[in-house]
N, C-alpha and C. Protein backbone atom coordinates (compact mmCIF):
# COMPACT_ATOMS: atom_id res chain seq x y z
N UNK A 1 1.10 -1.02 0.09
CA UNK A 1 -0.12 -0.12 -0.16
C UNK A 1 0.94 1.22 -0.02
N UNK A 2 1.68 1.57 0.72
CA UNK A 2 2.61 2.70 0.76
C UNK A 2 3.65 2.70 -0.66
N UNK A 3 3.52 1.94 -1.34
CA UNK A 3 4.22 2.27 -2.84
C UNK A 3 3.14 2.41 -3.44
N UNK A 4 1.71 2.06 -3.29
CA UNK A 4 0.53 2.79 -4.61
C UNK A 4 0.70 3.93 -4.21
N UNK A 5 0.63 4.54 -2.86
CA UNK A 5 0.42 6.15 -2.13
C UNK A 5 2.02 6.76 -2.79
N UNK A 6 2.88 6.38 -2.95
CA UNK A 6 3.74 7.11 -2.93
C UNK A 6 4.05 7.28 -4.92
N UNK A 7 3.52 5.96 -5.45
CA UNK A 7 3.26 6.41 -6.78
C UNK A 7 1.87 7.83 -7.25
N UNK A 8 0.97 7.64 -6.67
CA UNK A 8 -0.26 8.43 -6.83
C UNK A 8 0.78 9.87 -6.32
N UNK A 9 1.20 9.93 -5.40
CA UNK A 9 1.77 11.42 -4.95
C UNK A 9 2.72 11.91 -5.87
N UNK A 10 4.09 11.18 -6.67
CA UNK A 10 4.63 11.03 -8.00
C UNK A 10 3.96 11.40 -8.99
N UNK A 11 2.94 11.09 -9.37
CA UNK A 11 1.90 11.32 -10.02
C UNK A 11 1.70 12.90 -10.07
N UNK A 12 1.10 13.34 -9.17
CA UNK A 12 0.66 14.66 -8.83
C UNK A 12 2.21 15.70 -8.84
N UNK A 13 3.45 15.13 -8.15
CA UNK A 13 4.64 15.86 -8.03
C UNK A 13 4.70 16.14 -9.81
N UNK A 14 4.78 14.97 -10.42
CA UNK A 14 5.02 15.38 -12.11
C UNK A 14 4.31 16.35 -12.66
N UNK A 15 2.79 16.36 -12.24
CA UNK A 15 1.73 17.38 -13.03
C UNK A 15 1.78 19.20 -12.60
N UNK A 16 2.60 18.76 -11.21
CA UNK A 16 3.19 20.19 -11.05
C UNK A 16 4.20 20.76 -11.08
N UNK A 17 5.26 19.26 -11.36
CA UNK A 17 6.28 20.33 -11.58
C UNK A 17 6.33 20.62 -13.12
N UNK A 18 5.07 19.64 -13.93
CA UNK A 18 5.11 20.53 -15.11
C UNK A 18 4.18 22.08 -15.70
N UNK A 19 3.39 21.66 -14.60
CA UNK A 19 2.75 23.58 -15.01
C UNK A 19 3.41 25.02 -14.21
N UNK A 20 3.98 24.10 -13.67
CA UNK A 20 5.27 25.10 -12.70
C UNK A 20 6.42 25.48 -13.60
N UNK A 21 6.80 24.50 -14.51
CA UNK A 21 8.26 24.89 -15.57
C UNK A 21 7.58 25.52 -16.56
N UNK A 22 6.42 25.59 -17.00
CA UNK A 22 5.46 25.79 -18.28
C UNK A 22 5.13 27.09 -17.79
N UNK A 23 5.31 27.73 -16.77
CA UNK A 23 4.71 28.89 -16.63
C UNK A 23 5.57 29.81 -16.98
N UNK A 24 5.42 31.13 -16.74
CA UNK A 24 5.90 32.37 -17.14
C UNK A 24 6.66 33.23 -15.88
N UNK A 25 6.94 32.27 -15.00
CA UNK A 25 6.91 33.04 -13.44
C UNK A 25 8.70 33.15 -13.64
N UNK A 26 9.27 34.39 -12.94
CA UNK A 26 10.80 34.31 -13.34
C UNK A 26 11.82 32.89 -12.66
N UNK A 27 10.76 32.73 -11.57
CA UNK A 27 12.13 31.26 -10.98
C UNK A 27 12.16 29.89 -12.49
N UNK A 28 10.54 30.10 -12.68
CA UNK A 28 10.39 28.86 -13.65
C UNK A 28 11.48 29.10 -14.95
N UNK A 29 11.50 30.40 -15.44
CA UNK A 29 12.25 30.38 -16.52
C UNK A 29 13.99 30.50 -16.10
N UNK A 30 14.03 30.63 -14.73
CA UNK A 30 15.69 30.59 -14.17
C UNK A 30 16.06 28.88 -14.21
N UNK A 31 15.13 28.09 -13.49
CA UNK A 31 14.92 26.77 -13.36
C UNK A 31 15.10 26.28 -15.28
N UNK A 32 14.48 26.56 -16.19
CA UNK A 32 14.60 26.32 -17.51
C UNK A 32 16.02 26.50 -18.00
N UNK A 33 16.32 27.95 -17.42
CA UNK A 33 17.57 27.89 -18.15
C UNK A 33 18.90 27.15 -17.22
N UNK A 34 18.72 27.20 -16.50
CA UNK A 34 19.87 26.08 -15.34
C UNK A 34 19.90 24.74 -15.91
N UNK A 35 18.25 24.28 -16.42
CA UNK A 35 18.34 22.53 -16.74
C UNK A 35 18.74 22.75 -18.26
N UNK A 36 18.63 23.72 -18.89
CA UNK A 36 18.64 23.46 -19.99
C UNK A 36 20.21 23.27 -21.11
N UNK A 37 20.83 23.25 -20.30
CA UNK A 37 22.21 23.12 -20.24
C UNK A 37 22.07 21.42 -19.89
N UNK A 38 21.70 20.99 -19.46
CA UNK A 38 21.66 19.14 -18.90
C UNK A 38 20.23 18.58 -19.60
N UNK A 39 20.66 17.80 -20.46
CA UNK A 39 19.74 17.10 -21.02
C UNK A 39 18.94 18.16 -21.49
N UNK A 40 19.27 18.81 -22.33
CA UNK A 40 17.99 20.13 -23.27
C UNK A 40 16.85 19.91 -22.40
N UNK A 41 16.85 20.71 -20.87
CA UNK A 41 15.65 20.81 -20.34
C UNK A 41 14.99 20.03 -19.59
N UNK A 42 15.14 18.99 -19.92
CA UNK A 42 14.80 17.57 -18.80
C UNK A 42 15.23 16.88 -18.16
N UNK A 43 16.53 17.81 -17.77
CA UNK A 43 17.09 17.27 -16.21
C UNK A 43 16.42 17.39 -14.93
N UNK A 44 15.32 18.40 -15.16
CA UNK A 44 14.44 18.49 -13.67
C UNK A 44 13.66 17.21 -13.69
N UNK A 45 13.03 16.93 -14.74
CA UNK A 45 12.25 15.99 -14.73
C UNK A 45 12.85 14.35 -14.17
N UNK A 46 14.33 14.17 -14.69
CA UNK A 46 15.07 13.34 -14.40
C UNK A 46 15.09 13.25 -12.93
N UNK A 47 15.67 14.43 -12.66
CA UNK A 47 15.39 14.90 -11.10
C UNK A 47 14.38 14.25 -9.95
N UNK A 48 13.49 14.75 -10.33
CA UNK A 48 11.89 14.06 -9.94
C UNK A 48 11.62 12.83 -10.13
N UNK A 49 12.08 12.11 -11.41
CA UNK A 49 11.92 10.48 -11.47
C UNK A 49 12.77 9.76 -10.36
N UNK A 50 14.58 10.39 -10.17
CA UNK A 50 14.99 9.82 -9.27
C UNK A 50 14.86 9.53 -8.10
N UNK A 51 13.83 11.03 -7.11
CA UNK A 51 13.71 10.80 -6.12
C UNK A 51 12.57 9.85 -6.38
N UNK A 52 11.41 9.81 -6.71
CA UNK A 52 10.33 8.99 -6.95
C UNK A 52 10.76 7.47 -6.39
N UNK A 53 11.59 7.52 -7.66
CA UNK A 53 12.59 5.75 -7.73
C UNK A 53 12.89 5.38 -6.47
N UNK A 54 13.64 6.61 -6.03
CA UNK A 54 13.97 6.14 -4.57
C UNK A 54 13.03 5.91 -3.73
N UNK A 55 12.40 6.61 -3.52
CA UNK A 55 11.11 6.83 -2.43
C UNK A 55 10.43 5.28 -2.41
N UNK A 56 10.53 5.20 -3.66
CA UNK A 56 9.18 3.29 -4.12
C UNK A 56 10.16 2.28 -3.57
N UNK A 57 11.54 2.48 -4.16
CA UNK A 57 12.60 1.87 -3.80
C UNK A 57 12.56 1.17 -2.17
N UNK A 58 12.46 2.51 -1.43
CA UNK A 58 12.50 2.62 -0.17
C UNK A 58 11.37 1.89 0.45
N UNK A 59 10.36 2.05 -0.07
CA UNK A 59 8.96 1.92 0.46
C UNK A 59 8.89 -0.15 0.32
N UNK A 60 9.53 -0.25 -1.05
CA UNK A 60 9.27 -1.51 -1.31
C UNK A 60 10.25 -2.52 -0.64
N UNK A 61 11.37 -2.30 0.07
CA UNK A 61 12.39 -2.72 0.83
C UNK A 61 11.95 -2.58 2.36
N UNK A 62 10.90 -1.81 2.73
CA UNK A 62 10.06 -2.05 3.79
C UNK A 62 10.55 -0.77 4.75
N UNK A 63 11.14 -0.06 4.06
CA UNK A 63 11.95 1.11 5.19
C UNK A 63 10.27 1.67 5.65
N UNK A 64 9.74 2.50 6.84
CA UNK A 64 8.49 2.89 7.05
C UNK A 64 8.71 4.42 7.04
N UNK A 65 9.61 4.94 6.82
CA UNK A 65 9.69 6.44 6.45
C UNK A 65 9.58 6.90 5.54
N UNK A 66 9.85 5.88 4.33
CA UNK A 66 9.95 6.51 2.73
C UNK A 66 8.60 7.04 2.75
N UNK A 67 7.27 6.64 3.02
CA UNK A 67 5.92 7.13 2.79
C UNK A 67 5.96 8.95 3.27
N UNK A 68 6.14 8.89 5.13
CA UNK A 68 5.68 10.23 5.42
C UNK A 68 6.87 11.01 4.50
N UNK A 69 8.43 10.69 4.52
CA UNK A 69 9.31 11.57 3.85
C UNK A 69 8.57 12.08 2.35
N UNK A 70 8.03 11.18 1.31
CA UNK A 70 7.74 11.25 0.02
C UNK A 70 6.75 12.18 0.51
N UNK A 71 5.48 12.14 1.54
CA UNK A 71 4.57 12.68 1.93
C UNK A 71 4.86 14.00 1.81
N UNK A 72 5.61 14.35 3.05
CA UNK A 72 6.23 16.01 3.02
C UNK A 72 6.96 16.59 2.11
N UNK A 73 7.24 15.64 1.44
CA UNK A 73 8.01 16.23 -0.23
C UNK A 73 7.10 16.64 -1.17
N UNK A 74 6.07 15.69 -1.26
CA UNK A 74 4.78 16.06 -2.09
C UNK A 74 4.24 17.84 -1.45
N UNK A 75 3.94 17.65 -0.09
CA UNK A 75 3.62 18.66 0.60
C UNK A 75 4.41 20.22 0.24
N UNK A 76 5.46 19.96 0.28
CA UNK A 76 6.19 21.14 -0.08
C UNK A 76 6.12 21.59 -1.38
N UNK A 77 6.33 20.72 -2.29
CA UNK A 77 6.36 20.77 -3.77
C UNK A 77 4.68 21.42 -3.79
N UNK A 78 3.73 20.85 -3.63
CA UNK A 78 2.55 21.63 -3.49
C UNK A 78 1.91 23.00 -3.26
N UNK A 79 2.78 23.13 -2.10
CA UNK A 79 2.81 24.90 -1.24
C UNK A 79 3.88 25.50 -2.13
N UNK A 80 4.76 25.04 -2.69
CA UNK A 80 5.65 26.12 -3.78
C UNK A 80 4.98 26.10 -5.00
N UNK A 81 4.70 24.89 -5.72
CA UNK A 81 3.62 25.23 -6.59
C UNK A 81 2.53 25.84 -6.36
N UNK A 82 1.80 25.84 -5.64
CA UNK A 82 0.78 26.95 -5.52
C UNK A 82 1.26 28.31 -5.56
N UNK A 83 2.34 28.42 -4.66
CA UNK A 83 2.76 30.07 -4.48
C UNK A 83 3.51 30.26 -5.76
N UNK A 84 3.68 30.00 -6.90
CA UNK A 84 4.54 30.44 -8.24
C UNK A 84 3.01 30.49 -8.86
N UNK A 85 2.36 29.30 -9.16
CA UNK A 85 1.21 29.15 -10.32
C UNK A 85 0.02 30.36 -9.84
N UNK A 86 0.31 30.92 -8.23
CA UNK A 86 -1.03 32.05 -8.17
C UNK A 86 -0.02 33.30 -7.92
N UNK A 87 1.14 33.68 -7.83
CA UNK A 87 1.83 34.63 -7.85
C UNK A 87 2.28 35.06 -6.86
N UNK A 88 2.15 34.47 -5.55
CA UNK A 88 2.25 34.87 -4.36
C UNK A 88 3.64 34.97 -4.03
N UNK A 89 5.00 34.09 -4.59
CA UNK A 89 5.87 34.90 -4.83
C UNK A 89 6.58 35.90 -5.73
């Protein structure tokens, strides 16, 4: 069950990541420029995937801290994405 919850949170993280990276916010423009030199702009998606893969791997190995850690990570991403997309930052 923890792996399934982490997987669903991963989908939400990728959707939020895509939305923020495609916005015209100055922070998003800066991140696109920084990651543009690495893997043609897809480097940030690779980093997001590696974090998801790590959390899924730890959960599959039975580490109970994997789910709460990834939930906190997802919550922080949600708050940051909300702030960027609504222009609160």
